[in-house]
Structures are given as structure tokens and as C-alpha cells.
N, C-alpha and C. Protein backbone atom coordinates (compact mmCIF):
# COMPACT_ATOMS: atom_id res chain seq x y z
N MET A 1 123.99 89.19 115.09
CA MET A 1 124.16 87.91 114.71
C MET A 1 123.23 87.48 113.95
N ALA A 2 123.42 86.57 113.10
CA ALA A 2 122.27 85.40 112.48
C ALA A 2 122.32 84.53 113.47
N LYS A 3 120.28 84.29 113.62
CA LYS A 3 119.99 82.95 114.74
C LYS A 3 119.85 81.67 113.49
N GLU A 4 120.59 81.10 114.14
CA GLU A 4 120.29 79.29 112.98
C GLU A 4 118.94 79.60 111.92
N SER A 5 117.93 79.98 112.38
CA SER A 5 116.62 79.95 111.98
C SER A 5 116.49 81.30 110.94
N ASP A 6 116.97 81.94 111.07
CA ASP A 6 116.08 83.53 110.54
C ASP A 6 116.87 82.93 108.91
N ILE A 7 116.11 83.81 107.84
CA ILE A 7 116.62 83.64 106.63
C ILE A 7 117.74 85.19 106.12
N ARG A 8 118.50 84.23 105.87
CA ARG A 8 119.96 85.02 105.17
C ARG A 8 120.34 85.71 104.01
N LEU A 9 119.88 86.79 103.96
CA LEU A 9 119.68 88.02 102.86
C LEU A 9 121.47 88.45 102.82
N LEU A 10 121.59 88.08 101.21
CA LEU A 10 122.18 88.71 100.73
C LEU A 10 121.73 90.22 99.73
N ILE A 11 122.01 91.33 99.92
CA ILE A 11 121.52 92.67 99.22
C ILE A 11 122.57 93.06 98.46
N VAL A 12 122.14 93.09 97.16
CA VAL A 12 122.76 93.57 96.21
C VAL A 12 122.55 94.85 95.00
N ASP A 13 122.85 95.86 95.67
CA ASP A 13 122.52 96.93 94.60
C ASP A 13 123.76 98.41 94.62
N ASP A 14 123.88 98.58 93.53
CA ASP A 14 124.85 99.89 92.88
C ASP A 14 124.69 101.17 94.18
N HIS A 15 123.41 101.38 94.26
CA HIS A 15 122.95 102.33 94.89
C HIS A 15 123.57 102.17 96.88
N PRO A 16 124.02 102.98 97.54
CA PRO A 16 124.38 102.62 98.67
C PRO A 16 123.67 103.47 99.65
N LEU A 17 123.10 104.47 99.40
CA LEU A 17 121.81 104.79 100.24
C LEU A 17 120.60 103.38 99.72
N PHE A 18 120.38 103.43 98.78
CA PHE A 18 119.37 102.48 98.83
C PHE A 18 119.88 101.77 99.71
N ARG A 19 120.76 100.48 98.92
CA ARG A 19 120.88 99.56 100.67
C ARG A 19 121.38 99.65 101.97
N ARG A 20 121.40 100.93 101.99
CA ARG A 20 121.10 101.10 103.94
C ARG A 20 119.72 101.15 103.99
N GLY A 21 119.07 101.94 103.00
CA GLY A 21 117.82 101.79 103.79
C GLY A 21 117.16 100.81 103.90
N VAL A 22 117.48 99.78 103.14
CA VAL A 22 116.96 98.47 102.87
C VAL A 22 117.50 97.78 104.29
N ARG A 23 118.43 97.85 104.52
CA ARG A 23 119.37 97.44 105.45
C ARG A 23 118.70 97.91 107.27
N PHE A 24 118.50 98.71 107.17
CA PHE A 24 117.75 99.78 108.38
C PHE A 24 116.22 99.11 108.72
N TYR A 25 115.45 98.78 107.63
CA TYR A 25 114.34 98.21 107.91
C TYR A 25 114.58 96.83 108.14
N LEU A 26 115.28 96.05 107.73
CA LEU A 26 115.53 94.44 107.87
C LEU A 26 116.14 94.13 108.86
N ASP A 27 116.28 95.17 109.39
CA ASP A 27 117.37 94.79 110.75
C ASP A 27 116.39 94.69 111.85
N THR A 28 115.39 95.35 111.77
CA THR A 28 114.57 95.30 112.90
C THR A 28 112.80 94.18 112.39
N ALA A 29 113.51 93.24 111.36
CA ALA A 29 112.45 92.55 110.90
C ALA A 29 112.34 91.09 111.82
N PRO A 30 111.63 90.73 112.55
CA PRO A 30 112.23 89.57 112.99
C PRO A 30 112.13 88.11 111.75
N GLY A 31 113.41 87.82 112.34
CA GLY A 31 113.52 86.28 111.62
C GLY A 31 114.47 86.33 110.00
N ILE A 32 114.53 88.37 110.16
CA ILE A 32 115.20 88.40 109.03
C ILE A 32 116.95 88.69 109.12
N SER A 33 117.62 88.25 109.14
CA SER A 33 119.52 89.15 108.85
C SER A 33 119.65 89.29 107.89
N VAL A 34 120.16 90.07 107.22
CA VAL A 34 121.32 90.58 106.32
C VAL A 34 122.51 90.54 106.16
N VAL A 35 123.12 89.40 106.05
CA VAL A 35 124.97 88.74 106.10
C VAL A 35 126.00 89.42 105.29
N ALA A 36 125.05 90.11 104.78
CA ALA A 36 126.16 91.25 103.84
C ALA A 36 125.41 91.95 102.58
N GLU A 37 126.48 92.70 102.15
CA GLU A 37 125.98 93.63 100.90
C GLU A 37 126.51 93.69 99.82
N ALA A 38 126.33 93.97 98.23
CA ALA A 38 127.44 93.59 97.11
C ALA A 38 127.19 95.26 96.63
N ASP A 39 127.90 95.84 95.49
CA ASP A 39 127.12 97.35 95.00
C ASP A 39 127.52 96.01 93.44
N SER A 40 127.57 95.31 93.30
CA SER A 40 128.16 95.17 91.71
C SER A 40 127.53 93.33 91.80
N GLY A 41 127.10 92.65 90.54
CA GLY A 41 127.21 91.55 90.13
C GLY A 41 128.48 90.57 90.80
N ARG A 42 129.22 90.97 89.96
CA ARG A 42 130.51 89.89 90.45
C ARG A 42 130.83 89.62 92.11
N ASP A 43 130.44 91.49 92.26
CA ASP A 43 130.93 91.04 93.89
C ASP A 43 129.76 89.79 94.22
N ALA A 44 129.09 89.78 94.32
CA ALA A 44 127.70 89.42 95.00
C ALA A 44 128.07 87.75 94.99
N LEU A 45 128.51 87.19 93.35
CA LEU A 45 128.94 85.84 92.80
C LEU A 45 130.04 85.62 93.89
N ASP A 46 130.69 86.34 94.16
CA ASP A 46 132.14 86.06 94.60
C ASP A 46 131.99 86.00 96.42
N LEU A 47 130.88 86.56 96.50
CA LEU A 47 130.46 86.11 98.56
C LEU A 47 129.55 84.96 98.12
N LEU A 48 128.82 84.95 96.98
CA LEU A 48 127.57 83.36 97.52
C LEU A 48 128.46 82.07 97.21
N GLY A 49 130.31 82.33 96.90
CA GLY A 49 131.06 81.43 96.90
C GLY A 49 131.29 80.64 98.15
N ASP A 50 131.23 82.01 98.97
CA ASP A 50 132.13 82.02 99.98
C ASP A 50 130.72 82.22 101.57
N LEU A 51 129.47 82.74 101.24
CA LEU A 51 128.46 82.74 102.29
C LEU A 51 126.83 81.91 102.19
N GLU A 52 126.60 81.63 103.13
CA GLU A 52 125.78 80.34 103.21
C GLU A 52 124.18 81.63 103.02
N VAL A 53 123.83 81.50 102.52
CA VAL A 53 122.83 82.78 101.64
C VAL A 53 120.96 81.89 101.90
N ASP A 54 120.50 82.32 102.02
CA ASP A 54 119.31 82.13 101.94
C ASP A 54 118.21 82.39 100.60
N VAL A 55 118.71 84.11 100.46
CA VAL A 55 117.69 84.48 99.56
C VAL A 55 118.65 85.82 99.22
N VAL A 56 118.81 85.59 97.63
CA VAL A 56 119.85 87.22 96.97
C VAL A 56 118.83 88.22 96.67
N MET A 57 118.16 89.53 97.19
CA MET A 57 117.58 90.56 96.65
C MET A 57 118.21 91.21 95.42
N LEU A 58 117.91 91.36 94.79
CA LEU A 58 119.24 91.74 93.27
C LEU A 58 118.78 92.81 92.62
N ASP A 59 119.26 93.75 92.84
CA ASP A 59 118.47 95.03 91.80
C ASP A 59 119.31 94.30 90.41
N LEU A 60 117.78 95.16 89.67
CA LEU A 60 118.02 94.46 88.17
C LEU A 60 118.42 95.33 87.30
N GLN A 61 118.88 96.30 87.34
CA GLN A 61 119.85 97.27 86.39
C GLN A 61 120.84 97.70 87.29
N MET A 62 122.14 97.56 86.85
CA MET A 62 123.31 97.70 87.51
C MET A 62 124.60 97.89 86.65
N PRO A 63 125.22 98.77 86.23
CA PRO A 63 126.50 98.45 85.42
C PRO A 63 127.08 97.06 85.75
N GLY A 64 128.30 97.53 84.82
CA GLY A 64 128.32 95.98 83.93
C GLY A 64 127.68 94.64 84.28
N LEU A 65 127.72 94.02 85.12
CA LEU A 65 126.78 92.05 85.32
C LEU A 65 126.04 92.67 85.88
N ASP A 66 124.66 92.92 85.06
CA ASP A 66 123.54 93.66 85.74
C ASP A 66 122.26 92.15 85.91
N GLY A 67 121.21 92.07 86.58
CA GLY A 67 120.38 91.31 87.46
C GLY A 67 120.06 90.13 86.46
N ILE A 68 120.34 90.13 85.35
CA ILE A 68 119.23 89.13 84.56
C ILE A 68 120.89 88.12 84.64
N GLU A 69 121.97 88.75 84.14
CA GLU A 69 122.98 87.73 83.88
C GLU A 69 123.61 87.35 85.03
N THR A 70 123.83 87.90 86.20
CA THR A 70 124.34 87.68 88.06
C THR A 70 123.06 86.35 87.93
N THR A 71 121.60 86.59 88.05
CA THR A 71 121.03 85.53 87.89
C THR A 71 121.04 84.23 87.47
N ARG A 72 121.36 84.55 86.21
CA ARG A 72 121.95 83.21 85.42
C ARG A 72 122.99 82.53 86.17
N ARG A 73 124.09 83.77 85.89
CA ARG A 73 125.34 82.20 86.68
C ARG A 73 125.19 81.95 88.17
N ALA A 74 124.24 83.19 88.66
CA ALA A 74 124.16 82.40 90.17
C ALA A 74 123.49 80.78 90.15
N LEU A 75 122.26 80.45 89.10
CA LEU A 75 121.87 79.81 89.32
C LEU A 75 122.36 78.13 88.52
N GLN A 76 123.70 78.92 87.87
CA GLN A 76 124.28 77.45 87.03
C GLN A 76 125.25 77.81 88.15
N GLU A 77 125.95 78.38 89.51
CA GLU A 77 126.47 77.85 89.94
C GLU A 77 125.90 76.92 91.38
N ASP A 78 124.73 77.09 91.71
CA ASP A 78 124.06 76.61 92.47
C ASP A 78 122.32 76.95 92.09
N PRO A 79 121.88 75.91 91.83
CA PRO A 79 120.44 75.64 91.13
C PRO A 79 119.47 75.75 91.97
N GLY A 80 120.45 75.83 93.45
CA GLY A 80 118.82 76.26 94.16
C GLY A 80 118.90 77.72 95.01
N ALA A 81 119.25 78.59 94.85
CA ALA A 81 119.34 79.81 94.89
C ALA A 81 118.05 80.66 94.91
N ARG A 82 117.74 81.53 95.46
CA ARG A 82 116.59 81.76 95.21
C ARG A 82 116.69 83.24 95.56
N ILE A 83 116.25 83.67 94.50
CA ILE A 83 116.78 85.24 93.67
C ILE A 83 115.32 85.95 93.96
N LEU A 84 115.45 87.09 94.71
CA LEU A 84 114.80 88.00 94.47
C LEU A 84 114.74 89.12 93.52
N ILE A 85 113.88 89.54 92.45
CA ILE A 85 114.80 91.21 91.57
C ILE A 85 113.76 92.14 92.37
N LEU A 86 114.96 93.30 92.68
CA LEU A 86 114.32 94.44 93.03
C LEU A 86 114.01 95.30 91.27
N THR A 87 113.71 96.03 91.34
CA THR A 87 113.06 96.89 90.12
C THR A 87 112.33 97.88 90.11
N SER A 88 112.31 98.45 89.10
CA SER A 88 111.26 99.63 88.76
C SER A 88 110.06 99.27 87.94
N PHE A 89 109.15 100.25 88.36
CA PHE A 89 107.89 100.20 87.53
C PHE A 89 107.72 100.27 85.99
N GLY A 90 108.05 99.55 85.44
CA GLY A 90 108.64 99.77 83.63
C GLY A 90 109.49 99.02 83.09
N SER A 91 109.92 98.57 83.74
CA SER A 91 111.25 97.52 82.55
C SER A 91 111.18 95.96 82.57
N TRP A 92 110.37 96.18 81.94
CA TRP A 92 109.07 94.43 81.66
C TRP A 92 109.82 94.05 80.83
N ASP A 93 110.53 94.24 79.52
CA ASP A 93 111.84 93.27 79.12
C ASP A 93 112.35 92.97 79.99
N ARG A 94 112.82 93.34 81.20
CA ARG A 94 114.23 93.02 81.58
C ARG A 94 113.74 92.02 82.97
N ILE A 95 112.29 92.55 83.55
CA ILE A 95 111.85 91.54 84.27
C ILE A 95 111.37 90.75 84.25
N HIS A 96 111.01 90.63 82.31
CA HIS A 96 110.70 89.25 82.34
C HIS A 96 111.73 88.14 81.86
N GLY A 97 112.87 88.65 81.16
CA GLY A 97 114.52 88.43 81.22
C GLY A 97 115.04 87.54 82.50
N ALA A 98 114.59 88.39 83.83
CA ALA A 98 115.29 87.39 84.68
C ALA A 98 114.61 86.76 85.19
N LEU A 99 113.14 86.59 85.30
CA LEU A 99 112.16 86.12 85.90
C LEU A 99 112.65 84.12 84.47
N LYS A 100 113.06 84.53 83.43
CA LYS A 100 113.44 83.73 82.40
C LYS A 100 114.85 83.15 82.74
N ALA A 101 115.44 83.95 83.23
CA ALA A 101 116.87 83.56 83.95
C ALA A 101 116.39 82.68 84.91
N GLY A 102 116.08 82.50 85.88
CA GLY A 102 115.44 81.89 86.93
C GLY A 102 114.67 82.27 88.18
N ALA A 103 114.65 84.00 88.41
CA ALA A 103 114.12 84.42 89.72
C ALA A 103 113.46 83.94 89.60
N ALA A 104 113.19 83.89 91.66
CA ALA A 104 112.38 83.35 91.81
C ALA A 104 110.73 84.66 91.73
N GLY A 105 111.23 85.30 91.87
CA GLY A 105 110.24 86.62 91.58
C GLY A 105 110.68 88.20 92.13
N TYR A 106 109.80 89.15 91.79
CA TYR A 106 110.23 90.50 91.62
C TYR A 106 109.41 91.28 92.71
N VAL A 107 109.89 92.46 93.21
CA VAL A 107 109.09 93.40 93.68
C VAL A 107 110.02 95.03 93.40
N LEU A 108 108.78 95.86 93.49
CA LEU A 108 108.83 97.39 92.61
C LEU A 108 109.92 98.06 93.98
N LYS A 109 110.76 98.38 93.59
CA LYS A 109 111.77 99.25 94.39
C LYS A 109 111.02 100.27 95.21
N ASP A 110 109.78 100.80 94.95
CA ASP A 110 109.02 101.65 95.36
C ASP A 110 107.82 100.84 96.61
N ALA A 111 108.36 99.62 96.86
CA ALA A 111 107.40 99.01 97.73
C ALA A 111 107.08 99.44 99.08
N GLU A 112 106.22 99.21 99.96
CA GLU A 112 105.99 99.42 100.77
C GLU A 112 106.59 98.45 102.32
N PRO A 113 108.11 98.87 103.04
CA PRO A 113 108.40 97.70 104.07
C PRO A 113 107.69 96.53 103.91
N GLU A 114 106.97 96.62 104.09
CA GLU A 114 106.05 94.96 104.94
C GLU A 114 105.99 94.21 103.31
N GLU A 115 105.66 95.12 102.43
CA GLU A 115 105.36 93.99 101.33
C GLU A 115 106.84 93.58 100.67
N LEU A 116 107.60 94.50 100.76
CA LEU A 116 109.21 93.77 100.67
C LEU A 116 109.53 92.55 101.16
N GLU A 117 109.17 92.63 103.01
CA GLU A 117 109.53 91.80 103.54
C GLU A 117 108.64 90.57 103.41
N ALA A 118 107.29 90.46 102.92
CA ALA A 118 107.04 89.51 102.96
C ALA A 118 106.99 88.79 101.51
N ALA A 119 107.48 89.63 100.20
CA ALA A 119 108.61 89.01 99.51
C ALA A 119 109.82 88.31 99.54
N ILE A 120 110.00 88.41 100.52
CA ILE A 120 111.63 88.05 101.24
C ILE A 120 111.09 86.26 101.87
N ARG A 121 110.36 86.97 102.76
CA ARG A 121 109.78 85.61 103.40
C ARG A 121 108.90 84.32 102.19
N ALA A 122 107.80 84.92 101.64
CA ALA A 122 107.45 83.72 100.13
C ALA A 122 108.87 83.17 99.65
N VAL A 123 109.57 84.09 99.26
CA VAL A 123 110.79 83.03 98.46
C VAL A 123 111.57 82.85 99.32
N ALA A 124 111.73 82.40 100.20
CA ALA A 124 112.55 81.76 101.59
C ALA A 124 111.52 80.60 101.42
N ALA A 125 110.79 80.76 101.60
CA ALA A 125 110.09 79.44 102.10
C ALA A 125 109.64 78.74 100.51
N GLY A 126 110.41 79.45 100.01
CA GLY A 126 110.29 77.93 98.10
C GLY A 126 109.19 78.54 97.12
N GLY A 127 108.42 79.70 97.80
CA GLY A 127 107.43 80.51 96.64
C GLY A 127 107.72 80.81 96.05
N SER A 128 107.10 81.62 94.96
CA SER A 128 107.27 82.63 94.36
C SER A 128 106.87 84.50 94.54
N TYR A 129 106.85 85.45 94.20
CA TYR A 129 106.38 86.55 94.70
C TYR A 129 106.50 87.67 93.45
N LEU A 130 105.34 87.98 92.94
CA LEU A 130 104.91 88.80 92.04
C LEU A 130 104.47 89.48 92.13
N ASP A 131 104.55 91.11 92.31
CA ASP A 131 104.21 92.30 92.46
C ASP A 131 103.15 92.41 91.90
N ALA A 132 102.05 92.71 92.61
CA ALA A 132 101.05 92.25 91.97
C ALA A 132 100.09 93.82 90.92
N ARG A 133 101.18 94.86 91.70
CA ARG A 133 101.09 96.57 90.80
C ARG A 133 101.30 96.50 89.31
N ALA A 134 102.37 95.37 88.88
CA ALA A 134 103.65 95.25 88.02
C ALA A 134 103.14 93.96 87.07
N THR A 135 102.26 92.93 87.93
CA THR A 135 102.00 91.40 87.13
C THR A 135 101.04 91.79 85.93
N GLU A 136 100.30 92.85 86.26
CA GLU A 136 99.03 92.26 84.89
C GLU A 136 99.51 92.93 83.90
N GLU A 137 100.29 94.23 83.88
CA GLU A 137 101.10 95.10 82.98
C GLU A 137 101.91 94.22 81.97
N LEU A 138 102.73 93.42 83.52
CA LEU A 138 104.03 92.28 82.23
C LEU A 138 103.72 91.33 81.70
N LEU A 139 102.21 90.56 82.18
CA LEU A 139 101.14 89.80 81.67
C LEU A 139 100.77 90.24 80.35
N HIS A 140 100.55 91.59 80.07
CA HIS A 140 99.79 92.57 78.70
C HIS A 140 101.09 92.04 77.76
N ARG A 141 102.55 91.96 78.29
CA ARG A 141 103.21 92.64 77.35
C ARG A 141 104.61 91.62 76.82
N ILE A 142 103.88 90.78 77.58
CA ILE A 142 105.00 89.04 76.83
C ILE A 142 103.74 87.95 76.50
N GLU A 143 105.02 87.12 75.73
CA GLU A 143 103.85 86.62 74.78
C GLU A 143 104.20 85.06 75.44
N PRO A 144 103.52 83.91 76.38
CA PRO A 144 103.08 82.96 76.72
C PRO A 144 104.20 81.84 76.24
N ALA A 145 104.99 81.16 77.02
CA ALA A 145 105.88 80.40 76.96
C ALA A 145 104.97 79.18 76.24
N GLN A 146 105.48 78.33 75.36
CA GLN A 146 104.94 77.32 75.10
C GLN A 146 106.16 75.93 75.11
N PRO A 147 105.43 74.23 75.32
CA PRO A 147 106.14 73.70 75.30
C PRO A 147 106.97 73.52 73.91
N ASP A 148 108.47 72.87 74.18
CA ASP A 148 109.29 72.37 72.82
C ASP A 148 108.22 72.18 71.38
N ASP A 149 107.27 71.38 71.76
CA ASP A 149 106.84 70.43 70.80
C ASP A 149 105.63 70.98 69.81
N GLY A 150 105.42 72.70 70.49
CA GLY A 150 104.61 73.22 69.74
C GLY A 150 103.17 73.08 69.75
N GLU A 151 102.76 72.05 70.80
CA GLU A 151 101.42 71.64 71.15
C GLU A 151 100.96 72.45 72.56
N GLY A 152 100.82 73.62 72.12
CA GLY A 152 100.75 74.92 73.82
C GLY A 152 99.46 74.69 74.23
N SER A 153 98.61 74.16 73.30
CA SER A 153 97.02 74.70 74.02
C SER A 153 96.47 73.01 74.05
N ALA A 154 97.28 71.76 73.54
CA ALA A 154 96.99 70.54 73.60
C ALA A 154 97.46 70.50 75.67
N ALA A 155 98.70 71.07 75.62
CA ALA A 155 99.78 71.11 76.84
C ALA A 155 98.68 71.52 77.62
N THR A 156 98.05 72.48 77.73
CA THR A 156 97.42 73.14 78.92
C THR A 156 95.85 72.23 79.38
N ASP A 157 95.65 72.02 78.18
CA ASP A 157 94.26 71.09 78.33
C ASP A 157 94.84 70.18 78.90
N SER A 158 95.87 69.57 78.80
CA SER A 158 95.98 68.72 79.69
C SER A 158 96.03 68.07 81.19
N LEU A 159 96.18 69.35 81.00
CA LEU A 159 96.36 69.82 82.98
C LEU A 159 94.84 69.25 83.77
N SER A 160 95.21 68.47 84.79
CA SER A 160 94.13 67.92 85.29
C SER A 160 93.70 68.85 85.99
N ASP A 161 92.78 67.70 87.17
CA ASP A 161 92.10 69.25 87.92
C ASP A 161 93.01 69.36 89.02
N ARG A 162 93.61 68.74 89.54
CA ARG A 162 94.60 68.58 90.99
C ARG A 162 95.71 69.35 90.29
N GLU A 163 96.26 69.29 89.07
CA GLU A 163 97.12 70.34 88.28
C GLU A 163 96.96 71.40 88.62
N ARG A 164 95.93 71.48 88.31
CA ARG A 164 95.09 73.34 88.24
C ARG A 164 95.12 73.87 89.76
N GLU A 165 95.03 72.50 90.65
CA GLU A 165 94.69 73.40 91.80
C GLU A 165 96.21 73.96 92.61
N VAL A 166 96.75 73.13 92.18
CA VAL A 166 98.21 73.21 92.59
C VAL A 166 98.71 74.82 91.99
N LEU A 167 98.39 75.04 90.44
CA LEU A 167 98.68 76.13 89.63
C LEU A 167 98.26 77.00 90.19
N THR A 168 97.03 76.84 90.87
CA THR A 168 95.99 78.15 91.33
C THR A 168 96.84 78.45 92.63
N LEU A 169 97.32 77.64 93.51
CA LEU A 169 98.13 78.12 95.02
C LEU A 169 99.52 78.56 94.86
N LEU A 170 100.14 78.14 93.62
CA LEU A 170 101.50 78.12 93.25
C LEU A 170 100.93 79.62 92.53
N THR A 171 100.35 80.69 92.17
CA THR A 171 100.67 81.83 91.57
C THR A 171 99.76 82.56 92.70
N ARG A 172 99.50 82.04 93.97
CA ARG A 172 99.66 82.90 95.18
C ARG A 172 100.31 83.23 96.03
N GLY A 173 101.96 82.05 95.14
CA GLY A 173 103.30 81.88 95.93
C GLY A 173 103.57 81.70 97.42
N LEU A 174 102.36 80.32 96.92
CA LEU A 174 102.72 79.42 98.31
C LEU A 174 103.83 78.53 97.74
N GLY A 175 104.58 77.91 98.78
CA GLY A 175 105.73 77.19 98.78
C GLY A 175 105.45 75.84 98.99
N ASN A 176 106.08 74.88 98.94
CA ASN A 176 105.64 73.44 98.52
C ASN A 176 104.95 72.58 99.92
N ARG A 177 105.68 73.14 100.92
CA ARG A 177 105.07 73.18 102.24
C ARG A 177 103.09 73.96 102.21
N ASP A 178 103.39 74.54 102.34
CA ASP A 178 101.99 75.32 101.79
C ASP A 178 100.90 74.65 101.10
N ILE A 179 101.44 74.38 99.61
CA ILE A 179 100.43 74.06 99.21
C ILE A 179 100.00 72.43 99.55
N SER A 180 101.09 71.56 100.19
CA SER A 180 100.82 70.08 101.03
C SER A 180 99.44 70.51 101.65
N GLU A 181 99.75 71.36 102.93
CA GLU A 181 99.15 71.64 103.90
C GLU A 181 97.38 72.25 103.26
N GLN A 182 97.16 72.79 102.33
CA GLN A 182 95.84 73.16 101.52
C GLN A 182 95.44 72.14 100.98
N LEU A 183 96.23 71.21 100.50
CA LEU A 183 95.58 70.42 99.50
C LEU A 183 95.60 69.02 101.02
N VAL A 184 96.51 68.72 101.28
CA VAL A 184 96.25 67.92 102.59
C VAL A 184 96.96 66.54 101.84
N VAL A 185 98.65 66.87 100.96
CA VAL A 185 98.80 65.77 100.31
C VAL A 185 100.38 65.85 101.16
N SER A 186 101.23 64.76 100.62
CA SER A 186 102.02 65.12 101.23
C SER A 186 103.70 66.33 100.07
N GLU A 187 104.27 66.40 100.50
CA GLU A 187 104.90 67.61 99.88
C GLU A 187 105.73 66.85 99.01
N LYS A 188 106.19 65.31 98.51
CA LYS A 188 106.69 64.71 98.16
C LYS A 188 105.81 64.60 96.53
N THR A 189 104.42 64.18 97.20
CA THR A 189 103.28 64.40 95.99
C THR A 189 103.27 65.94 95.45
N VAL A 190 103.59 67.19 95.83
CA VAL A 190 103.20 68.67 95.37
C VAL A 190 104.64 68.35 94.50
N LYS A 191 105.44 68.06 94.71
CA LYS A 191 107.07 68.32 93.82
C LYS A 191 106.13 67.32 93.09
N SER A 192 106.06 66.24 92.75
CA SER A 192 105.52 65.44 91.17
C SER A 192 104.57 66.45 90.52
N HIS A 193 103.63 66.91 91.03
CA HIS A 193 102.45 67.63 90.20
C HIS A 193 103.50 68.80 90.34
N LEU A 194 104.15 69.53 90.14
CA LEU A 194 104.58 70.51 89.91
C LEU A 194 105.64 70.23 88.96
N ALA A 195 106.75 69.40 89.13
CA ALA A 195 107.09 68.52 87.81
C ALA A 195 106.25 68.45 86.38
N ASN A 196 105.36 67.72 86.40
CA ASN A 196 104.82 67.37 85.57
C ASN A 196 103.86 68.83 85.24
N ILE A 197 103.52 69.62 85.93
CA ILE A 197 102.91 70.76 85.44
C ILE A 197 104.26 71.66 84.50
N MET A 198 105.26 71.65 84.61
CA MET A 198 106.29 72.28 84.48
C MET A 198 106.23 71.74 83.27
N ALA A 199 106.53 70.44 82.92
CA ALA A 199 106.85 69.45 81.66
C ALA A 199 105.88 69.65 80.75
N LYS A 200 104.64 70.03 81.15
CA LYS A 200 103.31 70.41 80.32
C LYS A 200 103.06 71.43 79.59
N LEU A 201 103.34 72.10 80.56
CA LEU A 201 104.20 73.95 80.35
C LEU A 201 105.09 74.12 79.80
N GLY A 202 106.15 73.29 79.59
CA GLY A 202 106.76 73.50 78.62
C GLY A 202 108.07 74.77 79.54
N VAL A 203 107.85 75.04 80.32
CA VAL A 203 108.68 76.19 81.16
C VAL A 203 109.55 75.88 82.34
N LYS A 204 110.26 76.36 82.75
CA LYS A 204 111.71 75.83 83.67
C LYS A 204 111.81 76.12 85.41
N ASN A 205 110.78 76.59 85.20
CA ASN A 205 110.23 77.14 87.10
C ASN A 205 108.84 77.67 87.32
N ARG A 206 108.84 77.11 88.88
CA ARG A 206 108.00 77.22 89.44
C ARG A 206 107.23 78.81 88.30
N THR A 207 107.98 79.74 88.78
CA THR A 207 107.88 81.66 88.23
C THR A 207 107.04 81.57 87.32
N GLN A 208 107.91 80.89 86.35
CA GLN A 208 107.59 81.29 84.95
C GLN A 208 106.11 80.43 84.53
N ALA A 209 105.97 79.55 85.26
CA ALA A 209 104.63 78.48 85.22
C ALA A 209 103.61 79.15 86.34
N ALA A 210 103.25 80.00 86.93
CA ALA A 210 102.56 80.99 87.51
C ALA A 210 102.00 82.49 86.23
N LEU A 211 103.45 82.50 85.87
CA LEU A 211 103.07 84.03 84.83
C LEU A 211 102.70 83.30 84.07
N LEU A 212 102.81 82.06 83.22
CA LEU A 212 102.46 81.62 82.12
C LEU A 212 100.61 81.35 82.67
N ALA A 213 100.64 80.67 83.15
CA ALA A 213 99.07 80.20 84.24
C ALA A 213 98.23 81.50 83.82
N MET A 214 98.67 82.69 84.54
CA MET A 214 97.82 83.84 84.56
C MET A 214 97.46 84.41 83.62
N ARG A 215 98.77 84.32 82.49
CA ARG A 215 98.16 84.99 81.13
C ARG A 215 97.95 84.17 80.07
N GLU A 216 97.48 82.73 80.34
CA GLU A 216 96.12 82.20 79.50
C GLU A 216 95.30 81.73 80.26
N GLY A 217 94.92 82.65 81.27
CA GLY A 217 93.84 82.23 82.18
C GLY A 217 93.64 80.83 82.32
N LEU A 218 94.47 80.29 82.95
CA LEU A 218 94.18 79.09 83.57
C LEU A 218 93.90 79.20 84.88
N VAL A 219 94.43 80.07 85.79
CA VAL A 219 93.40 79.85 87.11
C VAL A 219 92.82 81.45 87.09
N PRO A 220 92.12 81.68 88.12
CA PRO A 220 91.30 82.71 88.48
C PRO A 220 92.89 84.07 89.01
N LYS A 221 92.67 85.25 88.28
CA LYS A 221 92.98 86.06 88.84
C LYS A 221 92.59 86.93 89.88
N GLU A 222 93.45 87.39 91.27
CA GLU A 222 92.75 87.96 92.04
C GLU A 222 93.58 89.24 92.53
């Protein structure tokens, strides 16, 4: 039974053996409780209407409603939903599509169990998680998003020093609380900086901001 403080997780994957293997490991992870499983995007959306879930761990490639469309619909119903995409190395267009749809991050299916756990915790804390092995390759294959007004370079140049500091911490997957502690400012101030950053970069969410920042060399890659 999930404790009140546990991260409540929904696993969505159309392969029963994979789901059970992931659940077997996560059932031993402190502070994480798998509250339900689904084998399709449609079933996941139905469950999200009935359950209290902190993180949806969602397979990218499923028959019927795939991970991209499931992400889009889930966020239409609940803009605060936290979605972590599960994918295979090489699905670059689909990964990018899921991030554009609003996913908080992605992790590869062959990741070590400890990495999967770290990704879940990062996303649950309000941060992002971008698999280190795949991100650099992904960045070479996508075009950077630009603000709607077409003034891309002007927008990136307009970031203040503090906004760049926030953006650097964002690319490391930190949530608002961790960023506020690092910079010794309030969470409200961090949220204000993030809103300004996303407006200037012309992106919809923090994960897209982190990808664009790395793609454009706005912050150092680690």
C-alpha cells in the first residue's frame, strides 16, 4: 500500500513482461509505489481520470494511441501531469515529438534500474530527465525551437545572467525547490525566472527550454 509521502507511479507499456520486470524492481525502491499498470494509452487515460498519480511512466511506441498522443491528451486533461517517456535508442523523431507534446523527460528502456529510479524521482520533484546517452545525439538531429516573433538570436541574447544560471540548473534536471536552494532565492522567484526564460526562448515547458539551451550552447554541457 502506498504511503502518503510515496511517489505514486502509473506504468504504461503494452509488453506485460517488461511491465512486470519494472514493477518488480520498483516495488523494492523506497518512496515509490506503483499504483496501477496499463497496456495502452486509452487505458492509461481512463486510469488517470480515476487515480491520484504523481508520475506516468509511458511507453513511446504502442499500438493505437501512442506515447506522443497519450502525452498530449493527458496534459490537456491535467496540465500538471508529470510524464516520463520510455523509449529505445534511435527513436529521435518520436522522442522530440513527445517532448514537444509536454513530456517532462525520457529514459531508455535498457537503462540501469538505478537510472530509471533517478529519472522517476527527478520528474516527480518537478524537474526534467534527459537520458545522457541519447540527448547529445538527439540534439544533433533536431532544429532548435525559435520564438514566434522570429527573433531567435535576439531572444537568447536577452537572457539575463540570473536567467542563464537558472537555465543551467534546469538542464541538470533540478526542480524549483532545488534551484531555489542552490541560488538562495524563493521558489516564487524561480518560477518567475522560468516564466521569463520560456517566454524569451519561445518554448512551452522547462524540458523544451533545457533542450534548446543545450542545442544552442547557451549553457555548458556536462
